[in-house]
C-alpha atoms as a PDB file:
ATOM      1  CA  LYS A   1       1.831 -11.245 -10.975  1.00  0.00           C
ATOM      2  CA  LYS A   2       5.496 -11.423 -11.902  1.00  0.00           C
ATOM      3  CA  GLN A   3       6.276 -12.946 -15.309  1.00  0.00           C
ATOM      4  CA  ASN A   4       9.601 -12.922 -17.069  1.00  0.00           C
ATOM      5  CA  GLY A   5      10.963 -10.329 -14.681  1.00  0.00           C
ATOM      6  CA  ASN A   6       8.081  -7.874 -15.008  1.00  0.00           C
ATOM      7  CA  ASN A   7       5.181  -7.183 -12.695  1.00  0.00           C
ATOM      8  CA  ILE A   8       1.963  -7.451 -14.691  1.00  0.00           C
ATOM      9  CA  ILE A   9      -1.424  -6.223 -13.368  1.00  0.00           C
ATOM     10  CA  PHE A  10      -4.490  -8.480 -13.499  1.00  0.00           C
ATOM     11  CA  SER A  11      -8.078  -8.124 -12.374  1.00  0.00           C
ATOM     12  CA  SER A  12     -10.426 -10.835 -11.216  1.00  0.00           C
ATOM     13  CA  ASP A  13     -13.532 -11.450  -9.189  1.00  0.00           C
ATOM     14  CA  GLU A  14     -13.017 -12.733  -5.613  1.00  0.00           C
ATOM     15  CA  SER A  15     -13.556 -16.337  -6.725  1.00  0.00           C
ATOM     16  CA  GLY A  16     -10.607 -16.147  -9.116  1.00  0.00           C
ATOM     17  CA  ASN A  17     -12.781 -16.171 -12.188  1.00  0.00           C
ATOM     18  CA  ASN A  18     -12.844 -13.780 -15.174  1.00  0.00           C
ATOM     19  CA  GLN A  19      -9.138 -12.946 -14.819  1.00  0.00           C
ATOM     20  CA  LEU A  20      -8.115 -10.186 -17.177  1.00  0.00           C
ATOM     21  CA  GLN A  21      -4.589  -9.000 -17.990  1.00  0.00           C
ATOM     22  CA  LEU A  22      -4.588  -5.195 -17.808  1.00  0.00           C
ATOM     23  CA  THR A  23      -0.945  -4.225 -18.562  1.00  0.00           C
ATOM     24  CA  THR A  24       1.506  -5.401 -21.170  1.00  0.00           C
ATOM     25  CA  SER A  25       3.911  -8.219 -20.485  1.00  0.00           C
ATOM     26  CA  ASN A  26       6.941  -6.248 -21.786  1.00  0.00           C
ATOM     27  CA  LYS A  27       6.700  -3.428 -19.210  1.00  0.00           C
ATOM     28  CA  ASN A  28       7.004  -3.359 -15.472  1.00  0.00           C
ATOM     29  CA  SER A  29       3.755  -2.184 -13.884  1.00  0.00           C
ATOM     30  CA  TRP A  30       2.804  -2.584 -10.224  1.00  0.00           C
ATOM     31  CA  ARG A  31       0.842  -1.352  -7.167  1.00  0.00           C
ATOM     32  CA  PRO A  32      -2.680  -1.161  -8.700  1.00  0.00           C
ATOM     33  CA  ARG A  33      -5.235   0.950  -6.900  1.00  0.00           C
ATOM     34  CA  MET A  34      -8.845   1.012  -8.174  1.00  0.00           C
ATOM     35  CA  ASN A  35     -11.194   3.908  -7.605  1.00  0.00           C
ATOM     36  CA  ASN A  36     -14.846   3.147  -8.278  1.00  0.00           C
ATOM     37  CA  ALA A  37     -15.941   6.801  -8.387  1.00  0.00           C
ATOM     38  CA  ALA A  38     -13.448   7.591 -11.098  1.00  0.00           C
ATOM     39  CA  ASN A  39     -13.796   4.120 -12.711  1.00  0.00           C
ATOM     40  CA  ARG A  40     -10.034   4.118 -13.166  1.00  0.00           C
ATOM     41  CA  VAL A  41      -7.160   1.971 -11.959  1.00  0.00           C
ATOM     42  CA  ALA A  42      -4.045   3.877 -10.871  1.00  0.00           C
ATOM     43  CA  PHE A  43      -0.708   2.102 -10.897  1.00  0.00           C
ATOM     44  CA  LEU A  44       3.030   2.642 -10.998  1.00  0.00           C
ATOM     45  CA  SER A  45       5.214   2.185 -14.051  1.00  0.00           C
ATOM     46  CA  THR A  46       8.467   3.566 -15.468  1.00  0.00           C
ATOM     47  CA  SER A  47       8.865   6.409 -17.952  1.00  0.00           C
ATOM     48  CA  ASN A  48      12.329   7.618 -18.981  1.00  0.00           C
ATOM     49  CA  THR A  49      13.923   5.670 -16.075  1.00  0.00           C
ATOM     50  CA  GLU A  50      11.657   7.320 -13.481  1.00  0.00           C
ATOM     51  CA  THR A  51       8.675   5.897 -11.672  1.00  0.00           C
ATOM     52  CA  HIS A  52       5.384   7.622 -12.363  1.00  0.00           C
ATOM     53  CA  ILE A  53       1.646   7.201 -11.622  1.00  0.00           C
ATOM     54  CA  PHE A  54      -0.482   6.138 -14.518  1.00  0.00           C
ATOM     55  CA  THR A  55      -4.255   5.452 -14.777  1.00  0.00           C
ATOM     56  CA  MET A  56      -6.239   3.180 -17.006  1.00  0.00           C
ATOM     57  CA  ASN A  57      -9.780   1.945 -17.541  1.00  0.00           C
ATOM     58  CA  PRO A  58     -10.760  -1.235 -15.672  1.00  0.00           C
ATOM     59  CA  ASP A  59     -10.208  -3.178 -18.903  1.00  0.00           C
ATOM     60  CA  GLY A  60      -6.672  -1.829 -19.365  1.00  0.00           C
ATOM     61  CA  SER A  61      -7.542   0.674 -22.096  1.00  0.00           C
ATOM     62  CA  GLN A  62      -6.784   4.415 -22.258  1.00  0.00           C
ATOM     63  CA  VAL A  63      -3.587   4.461 -20.243  1.00  0.00           C
ATOM     64  CA  THR A  64      -2.727   7.982 -19.114  1.00  0.00           C
ATOM     65  CA  GLN A  65       0.329   9.291 -17.346  1.00  0.00           C
ATOM     66  CA  VAL A  66      -0.528  11.452 -14.302  1.00  0.00           C
ATOM     67  CA  THR A  67       2.798  12.596 -12.767  1.00  0.00           C
ATOM     68  CA  SER A  68       5.538  14.227 -14.753  1.00  0.00           C
ATOM     69  CA  ALA A  69       7.410  17.127 -13.172  1.00  0.00           C
ATOM     70  CA  ILE A  70       7.947  15.327  -9.892  1.00  0.00           C
ATOM     71  CA  SER A  71       8.163  11.554 -10.091  1.00  0.00           C
ATOM     72  CA  PHE A  72       7.400   8.883  -7.521  1.00  0.00           C
ATOM     73  CA  ALA A  73      10.411   8.030  -5.386  1.00  0.00           C
ATOM     74  CA  GLY A  74      11.533   6.573  -2.111  1.00  0.00           C
ATOM     75  CA  PHE A  75      13.966   4.109  -0.594  1.00  0.00           C
ATOM     76  CA  ASN A  76      12.524   0.988  -2.328  1.00  0.00           C
ATOM     77  CA  GLN A  77      10.299   1.027  -5.402  1.00  0.00           C
ATOM     78  CA  ASN A  78       8.501  -2.200  -4.354  1.00  0.00           C
ATOM     79  CA  GLU A  79       7.541  -0.612  -1.006  1.00  0.00           C
ATOM     80  CA  ILE A  80       6.334   2.827  -1.991  1.00  0.00           C
ATOM     81  CA  ASP A  81       2.564   3.416  -2.215  1.00  0.00           C
ATOM     82  CA  PHE A  82       0.032   6.164  -2.977  1.00  0.00           C
ATOM     83  CA  ALA A  83      -3.682   6.812  -2.467  1.00  0.00           C
ATOM     84  CA  TRP A  84      -6.783   8.087  -4.270  1.00  0.00           C
ATOM     85  CA  SER A  85      -9.127  10.714  -2.910  1.00  0.00           C
ATOM     86  CA  SER A  86     -12.506   9.116  -2.206  1.00  0.00           C
ATOM     87  CA  ASN A  87     -14.248  10.823  -5.167  1.00  0.00           C
ATOM     88  CA  GLY A  88     -11.456   9.908  -7.545  1.00  0.00           C
ATOM     89  CA  ASP A  89     -10.454  13.451  -8.571  1.00  0.00           C
ATOM     90  CA  ARG A  90      -6.969  13.559  -6.940  1.00  0.00           C
ATOM     91  CA  LEU A  91      -4.040  11.301  -5.966  1.00  0.00           C
ATOM     92  CA  LEU A  92      -1.716  11.545  -2.972  1.00  0.00           C
ATOM     93  CA  TYR A  93       1.922  10.414  -3.351  1.00  0.00           C
ATOM     94  CA  PRO A  94       5.379  10.752  -1.779  1.00  0.00           C
ATOM     95  CA  TYR A  95       8.646  11.977  -3.201  1.00  0.00           C
ATOM     96  CA  TYR A  96      11.390  11.132  -0.705  1.00  0.00           C
ATOM     97  CA  ASN A  97      10.596  13.363   2.354  1.00  0.00           C
ATOM     98  CA  LYS A  98       7.687  15.312   0.729  1.00  0.00           C
ATOM     99  CA  LEU A  99       4.021  14.447   0.176  1.00  0.00           C
ATOM    100  CA  TYR A 100       2.191  15.771  -2.886  1.00  0.00           C
ATOM    101  CA  VAL A 101      -1.364  15.887  -4.146  1.00  0.00           C
ATOM    102  CA  ILE A 102      -2.149  16.011  -7.860  1.00  0.00           C
ATOM    103  CA  ASN A 103      -5.300  16.009  -9.928  1.00  0.00           C
ATOM    104  CA  LYS A 104      -5.990  12.803 -11.828  1.00  0.00           C
ATOM    105  CA  ASP A 105      -5.379  14.633 -15.156  1.00  0.00           C
ATOM    106  CA  GLY A 106      -1.893  15.687 -13.983  1.00  0.00           C
ATOM    107  CA  SER A 107      -2.698  19.284 -13.138  1.00  0.00           C
ATOM    108  CA  GLY A 108      -2.717  21.047  -9.792  1.00  0.00           C
ATOM    109  CA  LEU A 109       0.454  19.541  -8.272  1.00  0.00           C
ATOM    110  CA  LYS A 110       0.842  20.772  -4.687  1.00  0.00           C
ATOM    111  CA  GLN A 111       3.080  19.893  -1.741  1.00  0.00           C
ATOM    112  CA  ILE A 112       1.129  19.331   1.405  1.00  0.00           C
ATOM    113  CA  TYR A 113       3.667  17.864   3.868  1.00  0.00           C
ATOM    114  CA  GLU A 114       7.403  17.533   4.511  1.00  0.00           C
ATOM    115  CA  THR A 115       9.115  15.568   7.219  1.00  0.00           C
ATOM    116  CA  LEU A 116      11.073  17.765   9.682  1.00  0.00           C
ATOM    117  CA  ASP A 117      13.936  15.236  10.092  1.00  0.00           C
ATOM    118  CA  GLY A 118      14.391  14.415   6.435  1.00  0.00           C
ATOM    119  CA  SER A 119      13.053  10.897   6.760  1.00  0.00           C
ATOM    120  CA  TYR A 120      11.431   9.358   3.696  1.00  0.00           C
ATOM    121  CA  ILE A 121       7.646   9.065   3.306  1.00  0.00           C
ATOM    122  CA  THR A 122       7.250   5.604   1.800  1.00  0.00           C
ATOM    123  CA  GLU A 123       3.508   4.914   2.109  1.00  0.00           C
ATOM    124  CA  CYS A 124       0.319   6.879   2.574  1.00  0.00           C
ATOM    125  CA  ASP A 125      -3.428   6.423   2.750  1.00  0.00           C
ATOM    126  CA  TRP A 126      -6.255   8.993   2.600  1.00  0.00           C
ATOM    127  CA  SER A 127      -9.373   8.676   4.728  1.00  0.00           C
ATOM    128  CA  ASN A 128     -12.780   8.411   2.997  1.00  0.00           C
ATOM    129  CA  ASP A 129     -13.841  11.866   4.169  1.00  0.00           C
ATOM    130  CA  GLU A 130     -10.379  13.256   3.226  1.00  0.00           C
ATOM    131  CA  SER A 131      -9.866  14.716   6.710  1.00  0.00           C
ATOM    132  CA  LEU A 132      -6.954  12.368   7.681  1.00  0.00           C
ATOM    133  CA  ILE A 133      -3.816  11.057   5.978  1.00  0.00           C
ATOM    134  CA  ALA A 134      -1.787   8.150   7.341  1.00  0.00           C
ATOM    135  CA  ILE A 135       1.927   8.114   6.433  1.00  0.00           C
ATOM    136  CA  LYS A 136       4.728   5.723   7.049  1.00  0.00           C
ATOM    137  CA  THR A 137       8.178   7.288   7.352  1.00  0.00           C
ATOM    138  CA  ASN A 138      11.558   5.556   7.474  1.00  0.00           C
ATOM    139  CA  ASP A 139      15.230   6.220   7.074  1.00  0.00           C
ATOM    140  CA  ILE A 140      17.210   5.584   3.908  1.00  0.00           C
ATOM    141  CA  THR A 141      17.561   1.857   4.718  1.00  0.00           C
ATOM    142  CA  GLY A 142      13.786   1.493   5.332  1.00  0.00           C
ATOM    143  CA  TYR A 143      14.087   1.177   9.104  1.00  0.00           C
ATOM    144  CA  ASP A 144      13.535   3.492  12.098  1.00  0.00           C
ATOM    145  CA  SER A 145       9.950   3.591  10.842  1.00  0.00           C
ATOM    146  CA  SER A 146       7.018   5.528  12.190  1.00  0.00           C
ATOM    147  CA  ILE A 147       3.277   5.662  11.388  1.00  0.00           C
ATOM    148  CA  LYS A 148       1.385   8.845  12.043  1.00  0.00           C
ATOM    149  CA  THR A 149      -1.842  10.514  10.983  1.00  0.00           C
ATOM    150  CA  ILE A 150      -1.919  14.121   9.849  1.00  0.00           C
ATOM    151  CA  ASP A 151      -4.592  16.501   8.678  1.00  0.00           C
ATOM    152  CA  MET A 152      -4.609  18.269   5.304  1.00  0.00           C
ATOM    153  CA  SER A 153      -2.647  21.159   6.784  1.00  0.00           C
ATOM    154  CA  GLY A 154       0.155  18.802   7.869  1.00  0.00           C
ATOM    155  CA  ASN A 155      -0.615  18.847  11.587  1.00  0.00           C
ATOM    156  CA  VAL A 156       0.152  15.608  13.347  1.00  0.00           C
ATOM    157  CA  ILE A 157      -3.045  14.098  14.889  1.00  0.00           C
ATOM    158  CA  ASP A 158      -1.908  10.698  16.123  1.00  0.00           C
ATOM    159  CA  ILE A 159       1.325   8.714  16.381  1.00  0.00           C
ATOM    160  CA  VAL A 160       0.477   5.030  15.803  1.00  0.00           C
ATOM    161  CA  VAL A 161       4.048   3.637  15.749  1.00  0.00           C
ATOM    162  CA  ALA A 162       7.165   5.550  16.709  1.00  0.00           C
ATOM    163  CA  ASN A 163      10.633   4.715  15.594  1.00  0.00           C
ATOM    164  CA  SER A 164      10.206   0.928  15.206  1.00  0.00           C
ATOM    165  CA  ILE A 165      13.144  -1.363  14.750  1.00  0.00           C
ATOM    166  CA  GLY A 166      11.506  -3.827  12.363  1.00  0.00           C
ATOM    167  CA  ALA A 167       9.969  -3.137   8.917  1.00  0.00           C
ATOM    168  CA  ILE A 168       6.455  -1.606   8.772  1.00  0.00           C
ATOM    169  CA  GLY A 169       3.979  -1.156   5.912  1.00  0.00           C
ATOM    170  CA  GLY A 170       0.496  -1.684   4.493  1.00  0.00           C
ATOM    171  CA  LEU A 171      -1.537   1.379   5.576  1.00  0.00           C
ATOM    172  CA  ASN A 172      -5.321   1.378   5.106  1.00  0.00           C
ATOM    173  CA  PHE A 173      -8.075   3.324   6.855  1.00  0.00           C
ATOM    174  CA  SER A 174     -11.502   1.949   7.595  1.00  0.00           C
ATOM    175  CA  ILE A 175     -14.312   3.993   5.995  1.00  0.00           C
ATOM    176  CA  ASP A 176     -15.309   5.602   9.363  1.00  0.00           C
ATOM    177  CA  ASN A 177     -11.723   6.615  10.288  1.00  0.00           C
ATOM    178  CA  LYS A 178     -11.867   4.521  13.442  1.00  0.00           C
ATOM    179  CA  LEU A 179      -9.423   1.736  12.345  1.00  0.00           C
ATOM    180  CA  LEU A 180      -6.073   1.642  10.600  1.00  0.00           C
ATOM    181  CA  LEU A 181      -4.457  -1.523   9.201  1.00  0.00           C
ATOM    182  CA  TYR A 182      -0.713  -1.908   8.998  1.00  0.00           C
ATOM    183  CA  THR A 183       1.980  -4.631   9.072  1.00  0.00           C
ATOM    184  CA  TYR A 184       4.976  -4.932  11.348  1.00  0.00           C
ATOM    185  CA  ASP A 185       7.937  -7.402  11.482  1.00  0.00           C
ATOM    186  CA  ILE A 186       7.834  -8.357  15.100  1.00  0.00           C
ATOM    187  CA  SER A 187      11.270 -10.032  14.848  1.00  0.00           C
ATOM    188  CA  ASP A 188      12.796  -6.555  14.614  1.00  0.00           C
ATOM    189  CA  TYR A 189      15.281  -8.053  12.101  1.00  0.00           C
ATOM    190  CA  GLN A 190      17.233  -5.655   9.893  1.00  0.00           C
ATOM    191  CA  ASN A 191      19.460  -6.244   6.908  1.00  0.00           C
ATOM    192  CA  SER A 192      20.567  -4.511   3.706  1.00  0.00           C
ATOM    193  CA  ASN A 193      18.081  -6.465   1.528  1.00  0.00           C
ATOM    194  CA  TYR A 194      15.109  -5.353   3.705  1.00  0.00           C
ATOM    195  CA  ARG A 195      14.267  -9.021   4.344  1.00  0.00           C
ATOM    196  CA  GLN A 196      11.500  -9.609   6.859  1.00  0.00           C
ATOM    197  CA  LEU A 197      11.292 -12.611   9.139  1.00  0.00           C
ATOM    198  CA  ASP A 198       7.934 -12.423  10.996  1.00  0.00           C
ATOM    199  CA  SER A 199       5.637  -9.708   9.655  1.00  0.00           C
ATOM    200  CA  HIS A 200       2.186  -9.585  11.222  1.00  0.00           C
ATOM    201  CA  VAL A 201      -1.013  -7.728  10.300  1.00  0.00           C
ATOM    202  CA  PHE A 202      -2.179  -5.300  12.998  1.00  0.00           C
ATOM    203  CA  LEU A 203      -5.462  -3.436  13.403  1.00  0.00           C
ATOM    204  CA  TYR A 204      -5.079  -0.153  15.264  1.00  0.00           C
ATOM    205  CA  ASN A 205      -8.144   1.480  16.882  1.00  0.00           C
ATOM    206  CA  LEU A 206      -7.742   5.246  16.418  1.00  0.00           C
ATOM    207  CA  ILE A 207     -10.410   5.987  18.992  1.00  0.00           C
ATOM    208  CA  LYS A 208      -9.218   3.663  21.778  1.00  0.00           C
ATOM    209  CA  SER A 209      -5.495   3.601  20.852  1.00  0.00           C
ATOM    210  CA  THR A 210      -5.491  -0.179  21.017  1.00  0.00           C
ATOM    211  CA  THR A 211      -3.862  -2.689  18.704  1.00  0.00           C
ATOM    212  CA  THR A 212      -5.004  -6.193  17.642  1.00  0.00           C
ATOM    213  CA  ASP A 213      -2.670  -8.753  16.072  1.00  0.00           C
ATOM    214  CA  LEU A 214      -4.535 -10.552  13.255  1.00  0.00           C
ATOM    215  CA  SER A 215      -1.740 -12.958  12.300  1.00  0.00           C
ATOM    216  CA  SER A 216      -1.815 -15.430  15.133  1.00  0.00           C
ATOM    217  CA  GLY A 217      -2.851 -18.121  12.653  1.00  0.00           C
ATOM    218  CA  LYS A 218       0.085 -17.371  10.361  1.00  0.00           C
ATOM    219  CA  ILE A 219       2.391 -20.255   9.358  1.00  0.00           C
ATOM    220  CA  ALA A 220       5.720 -20.019  11.141  1.00  0.00           C
ATOM    221  CA  GLY A 221       8.540 -18.858   8.933  1.00  0.00           C
ATOM    222  CA  SER A 222       6.295 -16.663   6.810  1.00  0.00           C
ATOM    223  CA  ASN A 223       5.338 -13.025   6.496  1.00  0.00           C
ATOM    224  CA  ASP A 224       1.949 -11.330   6.147  1.00  0.00           C
ATOM    225  CA  PHE A 225       2.094  -7.934   4.345  1.00  0.00           C
ATOM    226  CA  ASP A 226       0.332  -5.625   1.839  1.00  0.00           C
ATOM    227  CA  VAL A 227      -2.927  -5.648   3.838  1.00  0.00           C
ATOM    228  CA  ARG A 228      -6.135  -3.915   2.746  1.00  0.00           C
ATOM    229  CA  PHE A 229      -9.773  -3.925   3.883  1.00  0.00           C
ATOM    230  CA  SER A 230     -12.368  -5.810   1.871  1.00  0.00           C
ATOM    231  CA  PRO A 231     -15.175  -3.604   0.462  1.00  0.00           C
ATOM    232  CA  ASN A 232     -17.553  -4.464   3.341  1.00  0.00           C
ATOM    233  CA  GLU A 233     -14.677  -4.415   5.836  1.00  0.00           C
ATOM    234  CA  ALA A 234     -15.646  -7.802   7.290  1.00  0.00           C
ATOM    235  CA  LYS A 235     -12.373  -9.200   5.978  1.00  0.00           C
ATOM    236  CA  VAL A 236      -8.921  -8.084   5.041  1.00  0.00           C
ATOM    237  CA  ILE A 237      -6.931  -9.066   1.972  1.00  0.00           C
ATOM    238  CA  PHE A 238      -3.187  -9.567   2.338  1.00  0.00           C
ATOM    239  CA  VAL A 239      -0.088 -11.314   0.953  1.00  0.00           C
ATOM    240  CA  ASN A 240       1.608 -14.213   2.626  1.00  0.00           C
ATOM    241  CA  ALA A 241       5.012 -15.642   1.659  1.00  0.00           C
ATOM    242  CA  SER A 242       7.865 -17.586   3.151  1.00  0.00           C
ATOM    243  CA  ASN A 243      10.412 -15.341   4.782  1.00  0.00           C
ATOM    244  CA  ASP A 244      13.213 -16.879   2.718  1.00  0.00           C
ATOM    245  CA  GLY A 245      12.924 -13.894   0.306  1.00  0.00           C
ATOM    246  CA  VAL A 246      12.691 -16.046  -2.815  1.00  0.00           C
ATOM    247  CA  SER A 247       9.459 -18.088  -2.467  1.00  0.00           C
ATOM    248  CA  ILE A 248       6.378 -17.235  -4.513  1.00  0.00           C
ATOM    249  CA  PRO A 249       3.862 -15.026  -2.637  1.00  0.00           C
ATOM    250  CA  SER A 250       0.113 -15.660  -2.565  1.00  0.00           C
ATOM    251  CA  ILE A 251      -2.901 -13.524  -1.741  1.00  0.00           C
ATOM    252  CA  TYR A 252      -5.235 -14.480   1.105  1.00  0.00           C
ATOM    253  CA  SER A 253      -8.241 -13.121   3.063  1.00  0.00           C
ATOM    254  CA  MET A 254      -9.112 -13.441   6.706  1.00  0.00           C
ATOM    255  CA  ASP A 255     -11.699 -12.146   9.148  1.00  0.00           C
ATOM    256  CA  VAL A 256     -11.051  -8.598  10.297  1.00  0.00           C
ATOM    257  CA  ASN A 257     -11.924  -9.073  13.969  1.00  0.00           C
ATOM    258  CA  ASP A 258      -9.724 -12.002  14.909  1.00  0.00           C
ATOM    259  CA  GLY A 259      -7.718 -13.106  11.862  1.00  0.00           C
ATOM    260  CA  ASN A 260      -9.615 -16.413  11.526  1.00  0.00           C
ATOM    261  CA  ALA A 261     -10.771 -18.054   8.312  1.00  0.00           C
ATOM    262  CA  ARG A 262      -7.512 -17.548   6.406  1.00  0.00           C
ATOM    263  CA  THR A 263      -8.421 -18.294   2.796  1.00  0.00           C
ATOM    264  CA  LEU A 264      -6.199 -18.598  -0.276  1.00  0.00           C
ATOM    265  CA  LEU A 265      -7.453 -16.372  -3.112  1.00  0.00           C
ATOM    266  CA  PHE A 266      -4.672 -16.180  -5.692  1.00  0.00           C
ATOM    267  CA  SER A 267      -1.379 -17.994  -6.015  1.00  0.00           C
ATOM    268  CA  ASN A 268       1.759 -16.356  -7.437  1.00  0.00           C
ATOM    269  CA  ALA A 269       0.357 -12.890  -6.855  1.00  0.00           C
ATOM    270  CA  THR A 270       1.041  -9.779  -4.789  1.00  0.00           C
ATOM    271  CA  MET A 271       0.002  -6.152  -4.168  1.00  0.00           C
ATOM    272  CA  PRO A 272      -3.790  -6.726  -3.992  1.00  0.00           C
ATOM    273  CA  ASP A 273      -6.537  -4.123  -3.979  1.00  0.00           C
ATOM    274  CA  TRP A 274     -10.129  -5.189  -3.272  1.00  0.00           C
ATOM    275  CA  GLU A 275     -12.772  -2.692  -4.384  1.00  0.00           C
END
């Protein structure tokens, strides 16, 4: 949630009860990613004017900085994302046109991929069996985006979206590597503020190469973005907000197969992770 200009990380059960503030109000902290195996929450925050990955206990205690030599960077700090390994021992993150893996204690930093055309890697996700990585690339303005899957050697396995006009985001694998969630602004609108007009949630079948639009029930004039699978993958969790660029966002869930049963979970909130 954003309060007094800072993003502050909270946790809660899915009914909105037992809300707990995890990060301090006087520091900007965002993009929480929980890993149950490690029993740690990774998140982004600033240190010496740079963005770095930190981890903390689920109650907000024992905050530890993970990245140091190479920070976390891309075209827009609110859009960049990272991923845990399934067993919670490593983290995957981008730095402009390069993709790095690092141990959760900050050791073992290693580059595993670099774009050939210099495009930025803005988002990534790591499959449960760690055999596949999904990345979203874009130009310096955030557009001309592509989504592809690669193996751990950097070989391209599948191109999900190629050189799109509109904004793209929200990568998340299903546990069996058969499905990939993402969002796409079907209006194909572009501007210098990266404003989106009609962003939809899509479910891509990696086996059949088919795509399903889950946002048919979306309110006109709004965007769906920041999508993730629920723990049992029967639903997805996502953010909806007016496309005016200033309205308060809220977190919803909906059915994974058809986008039905859109349900408000949290008001004035964004960047959800459901574990």
